[in-house]
């Protein structure tokens, strides 16, 4: 059942303790505070992990980051010669959109983010790279966009779907279904819980700290997500676990974190805020969770409307 924007915002305020920031406010604060630091991870501001394919050099991080975007785009089944409309839900600074613009030269691309800083800086970067007329990044909640219904050929969400609410991420999936044309596809790339059994011990502590650090309510549950996709009426659902392909890029985390800290110690001019510390802790925590293969996995999920 659809809920209105007013109802959704009211529910968010009710669920937030008095005097405490809402989850939306926490997300904006995190990405505005830690956003510039992602340059230490990727010179192109790819704000996600990478995909290792046979023949690649696992010591080179940036090609793996771009390869994940390529794997996502391949699953959209978009004709690179056709005039198509593609949206990135939770686009960050638009790195994946810029890669998409190169792969699909006739496409019109739209990015959606709730972070004002990402809108301003993302559009600035896209314009400076010559994509200003083809890529537009707008400020919007990706569960309640102003995009017309049945208007997009493809939608993707790379490590952003986790910010939707609930284990099924139904609010995001409903919106994706609404904006896609019949025959259009969507692809999600993200980490998911594998089953509904409660976590315990060190694993539960690490998971809760990860969610708090990245301003997440919870990760998606892959079984609940599959049920939601089928229930909405999507077809050709494909679920691929790619945890082992992601692992080589995750292995770069300790080096990048400690290299960043060393540079900040000697040359840093910005104060190390809570958001910046959280940005360093979170990827380290993903290494802990990634070892629990029975509980967590990284997946590519795709389906057609």
Foldseek 3Di string as FASTA:
>chain_A
DDDDPVVVVVVQVVVAPPPGDGLLVVLQVLCVVAVVVCCLVPVLSLPAFFFADPPDDLVDGHVRSLVVLVVQVVQQPDDLADEFEEEEEAQQLPSSVVSVCVSRVNYAYEYEAQHPVSQVNSLVVCVVVPNNVRYHYDHDHLLDDPAAFQGGQEYEYEAPLQQQDDQQSLSNLLSRNGRHHAFGKYKYWHKAWADDDDDDDPLNVLQVLLCVLNSGPHGHHVVSNVVSCVVVPWAPKDKDFRLVRRVSRLVCLVVSLVVVVVCCVVPNDDDCDSSNVSVNSNSVSVVVNSVVVNTMTIIMIMTGD
